[in-house]
PDB file of N, CA and C in Angstrom:
ATOM      1  N   MET A   1     -15.330  12.941  34.131  1.00  0.00           N
ATOM      2  CA  MET A   1     -14.102  12.414  34.346  1.00  0.00           C
ATOM      3  C   MET A   1     -13.195  12.363  33.154  1.00  0.00           C
ATOM      4  N   ALA A   2     -13.773  11.937  31.884  1.00  0.00           N
ATOM      5  CA  ALA A   2     -12.947  11.827  30.785  1.00  0.00           C
ATOM      6  C   ALA A   2     -12.585  13.237  30.116  1.00  0.00           C
ATOM      7  N   THR A   3     -13.700  14.102  30.428  1.00  0.00           N
ATOM      8  CA  THR A   3     -13.408  15.404  30.028  1.00  0.00           C
ATOM      9  C   THR A   3     -12.180  16.163  30.615  1.00  0.00           C
ATOM     10  N   ILE A   4     -12.209  15.985  31.997  1.00  0.00           N
ATOM     11  CA  ILE A   4     -10.942  16.519  32.692  1.00  0.00           C
ATOM     12  C   ILE A   4      -9.613  15.957  32.322  1.00  0.00           C
ATOM     13  N   SER A   5      -9.504  14.641  32.080  1.00  0.00           N
ATOM     14  CA  SER A   5      -8.358  13.937  31.579  1.00  0.00           C
ATOM     15  C   SER A   5      -8.060  14.406  30.179  1.00  0.00           C
ATOM     16  N   TYR A   6      -9.061  14.579  29.379  1.00  0.00           N
ATOM     17  CA  TYR A   6      -8.739  15.110  28.079  1.00  0.00           C
ATOM     18  C   TYR A   6      -8.166  16.386  27.946  1.00  0.00           C
ATOM     19  N   ARG A   7      -8.647  17.385  28.826  1.00  0.00           N
ATOM     20  CA  ARG A   7      -8.251  18.675  28.889  1.00  0.00           C
ATOM     21  C   ARG A   7      -6.761  18.651  29.493  1.00  0.00           C
ATOM     22  N   ARG A   8      -6.332  17.797  30.279  1.00  0.00           N
ATOM     23  CA  ARG A   8      -5.054  17.779  30.984  1.00  0.00           C
ATOM     24  C   ARG A   8      -4.159  17.275  29.966  1.00  0.00           C
ATOM     25  N   ASN A   9      -4.466  16.545  29.004  1.00  0.00           N
ATOM     26  CA  ASN A   9      -3.576  15.765  28.058  1.00  0.00           C
ATOM     27  C   ASN A   9      -3.494  16.738  26.723  1.00  0.00           C
ATOM     28  N   THR A  10      -3.957  17.818  26.598  1.00  0.00           N
ATOM     29  CA  THR A  10      -3.741  18.614  25.387  1.00  0.00           C
ATOM     30  C   THR A  10      -2.783  19.746  25.468  1.00  0.00           C
ATOM     31  N   ILE A  11      -2.268  20.135  24.338  1.00  0.00           N
ATOM     32  CA  ILE A  11      -1.509  21.150  24.279  1.00  0.00           C
ATOM     33  C   ILE A  11      -2.422  22.462  23.561  1.00  0.00           C
ATOM     34  N   SER A  12      -2.604  23.373  24.576  1.00  0.00           N
ATOM     35  CA  SER A  12      -3.596  24.371  24.079  1.00  0.00           C
ATOM     36  C   SER A  12      -2.982  25.364  23.178  1.00  0.00           C
ATOM     37  N   GLN A  13      -1.555  25.676  23.363  1.00  0.00           N
ATOM     38  CA  GLN A  13      -0.865  26.707  22.501  1.00  0.00           C
ATOM     39  C   GLN A  13       0.448  26.492  22.314  1.00  0.00           C
ATOM     40  N   LEU A  14       1.209  26.865  21.385  1.00  0.00           N
ATOM     41  CA  LEU A  14       2.699  26.633  21.246  1.00  0.00           C
ATOM     42  C   LEU A  14       3.226  28.014  20.751  1.00  0.00           C
ATOM     43  N   ARG A  15       4.435  28.327  21.151  1.00  0.00           N
ATOM     44  CA  ARG A  15       5.016  29.457  20.633  1.00  0.00           C
ATOM     45  C   ARG A  15       6.067  29.267  19.597  1.00  0.00           C
ATOM     46  N   ASP A  16       5.912  29.977  18.473  1.00  0.00           N
ATOM     47  CA  ASP A  16       6.829  29.614  17.233  1.00  0.00           C
ATOM     48  C   ASP A  16       8.182  30.528  17.579  1.00  0.00           C
ATOM     49  N   ASP A  17       9.082  30.536  16.551  1.00  0.00           N
ATOM     50  CA  ASP A  17      10.325  31.178  16.662  1.00  0.00           C
ATOM     51  C   ASP A  17      10.259  32.711  16.698  1.00  0.00           C
ATOM     52  N   ASN A  18       9.157  33.245  16.226  1.00  0.00           N
ATOM     53  CA  ASN A  18       9.025  34.796  16.283  1.00  0.00           C
ATOM     54  C   ASN A  18       8.102  35.080  17.522  1.00  0.00           C
ATOM     55  N   ASP A  19       7.989  34.237  18.417  1.00  0.00           N
ATOM     56  CA  ASP A  19       7.239  34.598  19.858  1.00  0.00           C
ATOM     57  C   ASP A  19       5.700  34.757  19.477  1.00  0.00           C
ATOM     58  N   ASN A  20       5.205  34.154  18.509  1.00  0.00           N
ATOM     59  CA  ASN A  20       3.673  34.319  18.071  1.00  0.00           C
ATOM     60  C   ASN A  20       3.156  33.041  18.706  1.00  0.00           C
ATOM     61  N   TRP A  21       2.063  33.064  19.328  1.00  0.00           N
ATOM     62  CA  TRP A  21       1.264  32.007  20.004  1.00  0.00           C
ATOM     63  C   TRP A  21       0.584  31.237  18.857  1.00  0.00           C
ATOM     64  N   VAL A  22       0.521  29.990  18.733  1.00  0.00           N
ATOM     65  CA  VAL A  22      -0.176  29.400  17.728  1.00  0.00           C
ATOM     66  C   VAL A  22      -1.161  28.567  18.555  1.00  0.00           C
ATOM     67  N   ILE A  23      -2.449  28.703  18.102  1.00  0.00           N
ATOM     68  CA  ILE A  23      -3.548  28.009  18.938  1.00  0.00           C
ATOM     69  C   ILE A  23      -4.369  27.029  18.006  1.00  0.00           C
ATOM     70  N   ASP A  24      -4.370  26.946  16.719  1.00  0.00           N
ATOM     71  CA  ASP A  24      -5.033  26.164  15.827  1.00  0.00           C
ATOM     72  C   ASP A  24      -4.375  24.861  15.642  1.00  0.00           C
ATOM     73  N   HIS A  25      -5.181  23.913  15.479  1.00  0.00           N
ATOM     74  CA  HIS A  25      -4.582  22.466  15.394  1.00  0.00           C
ATOM     75  C   HIS A  25      -3.705  22.377  14.249  1.00  0.00           C
ATOM     76  N   HIS A  26      -3.872  22.822  13.102  1.00  0.00           N
ATOM     77  CA  HIS A  26      -2.963  22.686  11.837  1.00  0.00           C
ATOM     78  C   HIS A  26      -1.618  23.475  12.224  1.00  0.00           C
ATOM     79  N   GLY A  27      -1.730  24.714  12.784  1.00  0.00           N
ATOM     80  CA  GLY A  27      -0.473  25.447  12.982  1.00  0.00           C
ATOM     81  C   GLY A  27       0.383  24.638  14.174  1.00  0.00           C
ATOM     82  N   LYS A  28      -0.263  24.175  15.191  1.00  0.00           N
ATOM     83  CA  LYS A  28       0.548  23.354  16.023  1.00  0.00           C
ATOM     84  C   LYS A  28       1.052  22.217  15.417  1.00  0.00           C
ATOM     85  N   ALA A  29       0.410  21.474  14.472  1.00  0.00           N
ATOM     86  CA  ALA A  29       0.979  20.225  13.893  1.00  0.00           C
ATOM     87  C   ALA A  29       2.187  20.626  12.925  1.00  0.00           C
ATOM     88  N   VAL A  30       1.936  21.768  12.279  1.00  0.00           N
ATOM     89  CA  VAL A  30       3.157  22.131  11.451  1.00  0.00           C
ATOM     90  C   VAL A  30       4.397  22.571  12.437  1.00  0.00           C
ATOM     91  N   LEU A  31       4.245  23.313  13.377  1.00  0.00           N
ATOM     92  CA  LEU A  31       5.333  23.646  14.338  1.00  0.00           C
ATOM     93  C   LEU A  31       5.975  22.295  14.746  1.00  0.00           C
ATOM     94  N   LEU A  32       5.281  21.351  15.325  1.00  0.00           N
ATOM     95  CA  LEU A  32       5.708  20.140  15.923  1.00  0.00           C
ATOM     96  C   LEU A  32       6.527  19.441  14.741  1.00  0.00           C
ATOM     97  N   TYR A  33       5.992  19.359  13.591  1.00  0.00           N
ATOM     98  CA  TYR A  33       6.558  18.628  12.578  1.00  0.00           C
ATOM     99  C   TYR A  33       7.940  19.361  12.083  1.00  0.00           C
ATOM    100  N   VAL A  34       8.051  20.669  11.933  1.00  0.00           N
ATOM    101  CA  VAL A  34       9.238  21.370  11.635  1.00  0.00           C
ATOM    102  C   VAL A  34      10.381  21.120  12.824  1.00  0.00           C
ATOM    103  N   ALA A  35       9.954  21.151  14.126  1.00  0.00           N
ATOM    104  CA  ALA A  35      10.771  20.951  15.186  1.00  0.00           C
ATOM    105  C   ALA A  35      11.440  19.590  15.121  1.00  0.00           C
ATOM    106  N   TYR A  36      10.493  18.654  14.831  1.00  0.00           N
ATOM    107  CA  TYR A  36      10.895  17.330  14.745  1.00  0.00           C
ATOM    108  C   TYR A  36      12.020  16.917  13.505  1.00  0.00           C
ATOM    109  N   LYS A  37      11.700  17.685  12.360  1.00  0.00           N
ATOM    110  CA  LYS A  37      12.600  17.523  11.200  1.00  0.00           C
ATOM    111  C   LYS A  37      13.923  18.153  11.565  1.00  0.00           C
ATOM    112  N   ASN A  38      14.039  19.224  12.241  1.00  0.00           N
ATOM    113  CA  ASN A  38      15.236  19.971  12.569  1.00  0.00           C
ATOM    114  C   ASN A  38      15.933  19.119  13.519  1.00  0.00           C
ATOM    115  N   ARG A  39      15.317  18.516  14.570  1.00  0.00           N
ATOM    116  CA  ARG A  39      16.109  17.741  15.364  1.00  0.00           C
ATOM    117  C   ARG A  39      16.616  16.454  14.863  1.00  0.00           C
ATOM    118  N   MET A  40      15.976  15.927  13.999  1.00  0.00           N
ATOM    119  CA  MET A  40      16.463  14.610  13.364  1.00  0.00           C
ATOM    120  C   MET A  40      17.462  14.982  12.281  1.00  0.00           C
ATOM    121  N   GLY A  41      17.512  15.927  11.710  1.00  0.00           N
ATOM    122  CA  GLY A  41      18.527  16.227  10.703  1.00  0.00           C
ATOM    123  C   GLY A  41      18.196  15.567   9.436  1.00  0.00           C
ATOM    124  N   VAL A  42      19.138  16.002   8.434  1.00  0.00           N
ATOM    125  CA  VAL A  42      18.953  15.441   7.091  1.00  0.00           C
ATOM    126  C   VAL A  42      20.283  14.831   6.538  1.00  0.00           C
ATOM    127  N   SER A  43      20.390  13.606   5.962  1.00  0.00           N
ATOM    128  CA  SER A  43      21.572  13.057   5.498  1.00  0.00           C
ATOM    129  C   SER A  43      21.283  13.000   3.961  1.00  0.00           C
ATOM    130  N   LEU A  44      21.908  13.773   3.071  1.00  0.00           N
ATOM    131  CA  LEU A  44      21.718  13.807   1.770  1.00  0.00           C
ATOM    132  C   LEU A  44      22.702  12.683   0.997  1.00  0.00           C
ATOM    133  N   GLN A  45      23.900  12.386   1.584  1.00  0.00           N
ATOM    134  CA  GLN A  45      24.651  11.434   0.948  1.00  0.00           C
ATOM    135  C   GLN A  45      25.307  10.543   2.170  1.00  0.00           C
ATOM    136  N   PRO A  46      24.912   9.447   2.389  1.00  0.00           N
ATOM    137  CA  PRO A  46      25.368   8.623   3.509  1.00  0.00           C
ATOM    138  C   PRO A  46      26.682   8.112   3.069  1.00  0.00           C
ATOM    139  N   GLN A  47      27.433   7.879   4.055  1.00  0.00           N
ATOM    140  CA  GLN A  47      28.817   7.293   3.665  1.00  0.00           C
ATOM    141  C   GLN A  47      28.806   5.925   4.161  1.00  0.00           C
ATOM    142  N   MET A  48      29.327   5.075   3.211  1.00  0.00           N
ATOM    143  CA  MET A  48      29.478   3.545   3.551  1.00  0.00           C
ATOM    144  C   MET A  48      30.830   3.278   4.156  1.00  0.00           C
ATOM    145  N   HIS A  49      30.900   2.861   5.410  1.00  0.00           N
ATOM    146  CA  HIS A  49      32.152   2.687   6.142  1.00  0.00           C
ATOM    147  C   HIS A  49      32.530   1.248   6.043  1.00  0.00           C
ATOM    148  N   PHE A  50      32.040   0.339   5.288  1.00  0.00           N
ATOM    149  CA  PHE A  50      32.539  -1.035   5.213  1.00  0.00           C
ATOM    150  C   PHE A  50      32.198  -1.506   3.735  1.00  0.00           C
ATOM    151  N   ASP A  51      32.945  -2.575   3.453  1.00  0.00           N
ATOM    152  CA  ASP A  51      32.725  -3.276   2.118  1.00  0.00           C
ATOM    153  C   ASP A  51      31.410  -4.189   2.235  1.00  0.00           C
ATOM    154  N   LEU A  52      30.450  -3.873   1.857  1.00  0.00           N
ATOM    155  CA  LEU A  52      29.409  -4.809   1.981  1.00  0.00           C
ATOM    156  C   LEU A  52      29.474  -6.064   1.116  1.00  0.00           C
ATOM    157  N   ASP A  53      30.204  -6.048   0.013  1.00  0.00           N
ATOM    158  CA  ASP A  53      30.269  -7.245  -0.841  1.00  0.00           C
ATOM    159  C   ASP A  53      31.224  -8.203  -0.129  1.00  0.00           C
ATOM    160  N   SER A  54      32.144  -7.709   0.737  1.00  0.00           N
ATOM    161  CA  SER A  54      32.984  -8.720   1.518  1.00  0.00           C
ATOM    162  C   SER A  54      32.223  -9.332   2.665  1.00  0.00           C
ATOM    163  N   LEU A  55      31.170  -8.627   3.161  1.00  0.00           N
ATOM    164  CA  LEU A  55      30.507  -9.122   4.284  1.00  0.00           C
ATOM    165  C   LEU A  55      29.313 -10.072   3.920  1.00  0.00           C
ATOM    166  N   ILE A  56      28.684  -9.988   2.805  1.00  0.00           N
ATOM    167  CA  ILE A  56      27.637 -10.732   2.373  1.00  0.00           C
ATOM    168  C   ILE A  56      28.215 -11.578   1.332  1.00  0.00           C
ATOM    169  N   GLN A  57      28.163 -12.980   1.676  1.00  0.00           N
ATOM    170  CA  GLN A  57      28.655 -13.981   0.646  1.00  0.00           C
ATOM    171  C   GLN A  57      27.580 -14.448  -0.160  1.00  0.00           C
ATOM    172  N   PRO A  58      27.662 -14.482  -1.391  1.00  0.00           N
ATOM    173  CA  PRO A  58      26.531 -15.092  -2.330  1.00  0.00           C
ATOM    174  C   PRO A  58      26.256 -16.334  -2.244  1.00  0.00           C
ATOM    175  N   LEU A  59      25.159 -16.913  -2.193  1.00  0.00           N
ATOM    176  CA  LEU A  59      24.756 -18.267  -1.996  1.00  0.00           C
ATOM    177  C   LEU A  59      24.315 -18.816  -3.244  1.00  0.00           C
ATOM    178  N   VAL A  60      24.795 -19.968  -3.403  1.00  0.00           N
ATOM    179  CA  VAL A  60      24.574 -20.850  -4.647  1.00  0.00           C
ATOM    180  C   VAL A  60      23.698 -22.016  -4.499  1.00  0.00           C
ATOM    181  N   ASP A  61      23.189 -22.589  -5.439  1.00  0.00           N
ATOM    182  CA  ASP A  61      22.231 -23.802  -5.358  1.00  0.00           C
ATOM    183  C   ASP A  61      21.127 -23.428  -4.436  1.00  0.00           C
ATOM    184  N   LEU A  62      20.265 -22.531  -4.600  1.00  0.00           N
ATOM    185  CA  LEU A  62      19.120 -22.144  -3.840  1.00  0.00           C
ATOM    186  C   LEU A  62      17.779 -22.880  -4.407  1.00  0.00           C
ATOM    187  N   GLU A  63      18.040 -23.668  -5.494  1.00  0.00           N
ATOM    188  CA  GLU A  63      16.884 -24.410  -6.102  1.00  0.00           C
ATOM    189  C   GLU A  63      16.187 -25.477  -4.949  1.00  0.00           C
ATOM    190  N   SER A  64      16.746 -25.871  -4.082  1.00  0.00           N
ATOM    191  CA  SER A  64      16.264 -26.818  -3.031  1.00  0.00           C
ATOM    192  C   SER A  64      15.103 -26.034  -2.216  1.00  0.00           C
ATOM    193  N   LEU A  65      15.256 -24.795  -2.143  1.00  0.00           N
ATOM    194  CA  LEU A  65      14.340 -23.935  -1.314  1.00  0.00           C
ATOM    195  C   LEU A  65      12.945 -23.998  -1.883  1.00  0.00           C
ATOM    196  N   VAL A  66      12.891 -24.234  -3.301  1.00  0.00           N
ATOM    197  CA  VAL A  66      11.555 -23.950  -3.897  1.00  0.00           C
ATOM    198  C   VAL A  66      10.993 -25.379  -4.333  1.00  0.00           C
ATOM    199  N   LEU A  67      11.722 -26.550  -3.907  1.00  0.00           N
ATOM    200  CA  LEU A  67      11.175 -27.903  -4.178  1.00  0.00           C
ATOM    201  C   LEU A  67      10.033 -28.128  -3.137  1.00  0.00           C
ATOM    202  N   PRO A  68       9.048 -28.943  -3.497  1.00  0.00           N
ATOM    203  CA  PRO A  68       7.992 -29.283  -2.479  1.00  0.00           C
ATOM    204  C   PRO A  68       8.628 -30.157  -1.375  1.00  0.00           C
ATOM    205  N   PHE A  69       7.844 -30.169  -0.404  1.00  0.00           N
ATOM    206  CA  PHE A  69       8.110 -30.952   0.779  1.00  0.00           C
ATOM    207  C   PHE A  69       7.965 -32.495   0.414  1.00  0.00           C
ATOM    208  N   THR A  70       8.781 -33.285   0.882  1.00  0.00           N
ATOM    209  CA  THR A  70       8.754 -34.790   0.586  1.00  0.00           C
ATOM    210  C   THR A  70       7.867 -35.359   1.736  1.00  0.00           C
ATOM    211  N   THR A  71       7.250 -36.515   1.547  1.00  0.00           N
ATOM    212  CA  THR A  71       6.462 -37.079   2.555  1.00  0.00           C
ATOM    213  C   THR A  71       7.314 -37.618   3.762  1.00  0.00           C
ATOM    214  N   GLU A  72       8.604 -37.959   3.424  1.00  0.00           N
ATOM    215  CA  GLU A  72       9.454 -38.210   4.658  1.00  0.00           C
ATOM    216  C   GLU A  72       9.677 -37.147   5.424  1.00  0.00           C
ATOM    217  N   GLU A  73       9.928 -35.924   4.905  1.00  0.00           N
ATOM    218  CA  GLU A  73      10.246 -34.727   5.633  1.00  0.00           C
ATOM    219  C   GLU A  73       9.068 -34.362   6.521  1.00  0.00           C
ATOM    220  N   ILE A  74       7.911 -34.475   5.986  1.00  0.00           N
ATOM    221  CA  ILE A  74       6.667 -34.234   6.748  1.00  0.00           C
ATOM    222  C   ILE A  74       6.475 -35.257   8.049  1.00  0.00           C
ATOM    223  N   ASP A  75       6.691 -36.485   7.590  1.00  0.00           N
ATOM    224  CA  ASP A  75       6.589 -37.407   8.597  1.00  0.00           C
ATOM    225  C   ASP A  75       7.650 -37.348   9.725  1.00  0.00           C
ATOM    226  N   HIS A  76       8.859 -36.899   9.426  1.00  0.00           N
ATOM    227  CA  HIS A  76       9.858 -36.559  10.411  1.00  0.00           C
ATOM    228  C   HIS A  76       9.459 -35.411  11.378  1.00  0.00           C
ATOM    229  N   ILE A  77       8.894 -34.410  10.791  1.00  0.00           N
ATOM    230  CA  ILE A  77       8.455 -33.143  11.538  1.00  0.00           C
ATOM    231  C   ILE A  77       7.244 -33.603  12.494  1.00  0.00           C
ATOM    232  N   VAL A  78       6.343 -34.389  11.817  1.00  0.00           N
ATOM    233  CA  VAL A  78       5.284 -34.940  12.885  1.00  0.00           C
ATOM    234  C   VAL A  78       5.799 -35.755  13.901  1.00  0.00           C
ATOM    235  N   LYS A  79       6.611 -36.629  13.716  1.00  0.00           N
ATOM    236  CA  LYS A  79       7.303 -37.456  14.756  1.00  0.00           C
ATOM    237  C   LYS A  79       7.992 -36.664  15.900  1.00  0.00           C
ATOM    238  N   CYS A  80       8.605 -35.496  15.431  1.00  0.00           N
ATOM    239  CA  CYS A  80       9.250 -34.724  16.465  1.00  0.00           C
ATOM    240  C   CYS A  80       8.325 -33.684  17.153  1.00  0.00           C
ATOM    241  N   LEU A  81       7.120 -33.585  16.861  1.00  0.00           N
ATOM    242  CA  LEU A  81       6.219 -32.767  17.543  1.00  0.00           C
ATOM    243  C   LEU A  81       5.815 -33.279  18.895  1.00  0.00           C
ATOM    244  N   PRO A  82       5.931 -32.388  19.928  1.00  0.00           N
ATOM    245  CA  PRO A  82       5.554 -32.696  21.327  1.00  0.00           C
ATOM    246  C   PRO A  82       4.021 -33.047  21.377  1.00  0.00           C
ATOM    247  N   THR A  83       3.673 -33.973  22.017  1.00  0.00           N
ATOM    248  CA  THR A  83       2.340 -34.496  22.021  1.00  0.00           C
ATOM    249  C   THR A  83       1.433 -33.708  23.049  1.00  0.00           C
ATOM    250  N   ASP A  84       2.057 -33.008  24.093  1.00  0.00           N
ATOM    251  CA  ASP A  84       1.313 -32.370  25.088  1.00  0.00           C
ATOM    252  C   ASP A  84       1.046 -30.835  24.985  1.00  0.00           C
ATOM    253  N   LYS A  85       1.285 -30.334  23.700  1.00  0.00           N
ATOM    254  CA  LYS A  85       1.291 -28.814  23.520  1.00  0.00           C
ATOM    255  C   LYS A  85      -0.136 -28.539  23.253  1.00  0.00           C
ATOM    256  N   ALA A  86      -0.541 -27.247  23.229  1.00  0.00           N
ATOM    257  CA  ALA A  86      -1.902 -26.578  23.064  1.00  0.00           C
ATOM    258  C   ALA A  86      -2.201 -26.947  21.674  1.00  0.00           C
ATOM    259  N   PRO A  87      -3.404 -26.917  21.564  1.00  0.00           N
ATOM    260  CA  PRO A  87      -4.033 -27.234  20.196  1.00  0.00           C
ATOM    261  C   PRO A  87      -3.647 -26.039  19.163  1.00  0.00           C
ATOM    262  N   GLY A  88      -3.622 -26.494  17.874  1.00  0.00           N
ATOM    263  CA  GLY A  88      -3.561 -25.322  16.785  1.00  0.00           C
ATOM    264  C   GLY A  88      -4.806 -24.745  16.308  1.00  0.00           C
ATOM    265  N   LEU A  89      -4.828 -23.993  15.259  1.00  0.00           N
ATOM    266  CA  LEU A  89      -5.820 -23.124  14.964  1.00  0.00           C
ATOM    267  C   LEU A  89      -7.265 -23.938  14.810  1.00  0.00           C
ATOM    268  N   ASP A  90      -6.878 -25.220  14.246  1.00  0.00           N
ATOM    269  CA  ASP A  90      -8.175 -25.960  14.100  1.00  0.00           C
ATOM    270  C   ASP A  90      -8.768 -26.755  15.368  1.00  0.00           C
ATOM    271  N   GLY A  91      -7.940 -26.620  16.635  1.00  0.00           N
ATOM    272  CA  GLY A  91      -8.379 -27.250  17.698  1.00  0.00           C
ATOM    273  C   GLY A  91      -7.814 -28.699  17.968  1.00  0.00           C
ATOM    274  N   PHE A  92      -6.955 -29.191  17.021  1.00  0.00           N
ATOM    275  CA  PHE A  92      -6.445 -30.379  17.105  1.00  0.00           C
ATOM    276  C   PHE A  92      -4.849 -30.336  17.717  1.00  0.00           C
ATOM    277  N   ASN A  93      -4.590 -31.002  18.804  1.00  0.00           N
ATOM    278  CA  ASN A  93      -3.203 -31.041  19.175  1.00  0.00           C
ATOM    279  C   ASN A  93      -2.319 -32.033  18.180  1.00  0.00           C
ATOM    280  N   SER A  94      -0.903 -32.197  18.561  1.00  0.00           N
ATOM    281  CA  SER A  94      -0.284 -33.065  17.637  1.00  0.00           C
ATOM    282  C   SER A  94      -0.377 -34.519  17.970  1.00  0.00           C
ATOM    283  N   MET A  95      -0.952 -34.773  19.215  1.00  0.00           N
ATOM    284  CA  MET A  95      -1.256 -36.354  19.385  1.00  0.00           C
ATOM    285  C   MET A  95      -2.374 -36.692  18.540  1.00  0.00           C
ATOM    286  N   PHE A  96      -3.395 -35.889  18.265  1.00  0.00           N
ATOM    287  CA  PHE A  96      -4.435 -36.364  17.242  1.00  0.00           C
ATOM    288  C   PHE A  96      -3.806 -36.463  15.862  1.00  0.00           C
ATOM    289  N   ILE A  97      -2.952 -35.551  15.509  1.00  0.00           N
ATOM    290  CA  ILE A  97      -2.331 -35.508  14.210  1.00  0.00           C
ATOM    291  C   ILE A  97      -1.631 -36.822  14.198  1.00  0.00           C
ATOM    292  N   LYS A  98      -0.715 -37.107  15.022  1.00  0.00           N
ATOM    293  CA  LYS A  98       0.010 -38.454  14.998  1.00  0.00           C
ATOM    294  C   LYS A  98      -0.782 -39.611  14.810  1.00  0.00           C
ATOM    295  N   LYS A  99      -1.852 -39.688  15.506  1.00  0.00           N
ATOM    296  CA  LYS A  99      -2.835 -40.861  15.572  1.00  0.00           C
ATOM    297  C   LYS A  99      -3.672 -40.911  14.192  1.00  0.00           C
ATOM    298  N   MET A 100      -3.908 -39.978  13.589  1.00  0.00           N
ATOM    299  CA  MET A 100      -4.547 -39.805  12.376  1.00  0.00           C
ATOM    300  C   MET A 100      -3.568 -40.298  11.347  1.00  0.00           C
ATOM    301  N   LEU A 101      -2.364 -39.831  11.211  1.00  0.00           N
ATOM    302  CA  LEU A 101      -1.278 -40.274  10.380  1.00  0.00           C
ATOM    303  C   LEU A 101      -0.989 -41.707  10.414  1.00  0.00           C
ATOM    304  N   ALA A 102      -0.937 -42.213  11.653  1.00  0.00           N
ATOM    305  CA  ALA A 102      -0.635 -43.583  12.061  1.00  0.00           C
ATOM    306  C   ALA A 102      -1.667 -44.460  11.253  1.00  0.00           C
ATOM    307  N   ASN A 103      -2.994 -44.116  11.574  1.00  0.00           N
ATOM    308  CA  ASN A 103      -4.001 -44.912  11.017  1.00  0.00           C
ATOM    309  C   ASN A 103      -4.094 -44.858   9.447  1.00  0.00           C
ATOM    310  N   ASP A 104      -3.854 -43.601   8.880  1.00  0.00           N
ATOM    311  CA  ASP A 104      -3.803 -43.615   7.532  1.00  0.00           C
ATOM    312  C   ASP A 104      -2.642 -44.473   6.764  1.00  0.00           C
ATOM    313  N   GLN A 105      -1.534 -44.492   7.550  1.00  0.00           N
ATOM    314  CA  GLN A 105      -0.204 -45.159   6.947  1.00  0.00           C
ATOM    315  C   GLN A 105      -0.135 -46.412   7.527  1.00  0.00           C
ATOM    316  N   GLY A 106      -1.119 -47.085   8.200  1.00  0.00           N
ATOM    317  CA  GLY A 106      -1.052 -48.474   8.666  1.00  0.00           C
ATOM    318  C   GLY A 106      -0.119 -48.527   9.811  1.00  0.00           C
ATOM    319  N   GLY A 107      -0.229 -47.485  10.760  1.00  0.00           N
ATOM    320  CA  GLY A 107       0.788 -47.683  11.826  1.00  0.00           C
ATOM    321  C   GLY A 107       2.296 -47.363  11.674  1.00  0.00           C
ATOM    322  N   LEU A 108       2.628 -46.672  10.628  1.00  0.00           N
ATOM    323  CA  LEU A 108       4.069 -46.375  10.353  1.00  0.00           C
ATOM    324  C   LEU A 108       4.782 -45.311  11.425  1.00  0.00           C
ATOM    325  N   LEU A 109       3.705 -44.572  11.848  1.00  0.00           N
ATOM    326  CA  LEU A 109       4.507 -43.590  12.894  1.00  0.00           C
ATOM    327  C   LEU A 109       4.783 -44.272  14.265  1.00  0.00           C
TER     328      LEU A 109
END
C-alpha cells in the first residue's frame, strides 16, 4: 500500500525548455529550482517608498529594561495569577506558589 502511494506521489520525468526529458533526481531538482527562481524574480535595488526615520521614533531611557525585578513586582505578579489554571512545567499550579510565598513571608500575600 505504501509503495502504491509512493509511486503516485512522484514525478517520474520533466521536460526542459529544449523538449528534452529529464529523469534523474539531480536534473529534476535543477529544473524545478530554475523554474522557481524565474517565477520569483530578482530585485537588485529595492526602492524605499516611505521615510523609515519618521516612522520609527527613537526610545530613550531604556536602562529600566536591564534592571533586576524587585520583590514587590514579583509579589504583585504572583497575586494576580489565577489560582485554578493548569500546572506549570514543574507540576505546581499558582495556588501552590501563592501558599508557599504566604508561608515564607508570614502571610503577606
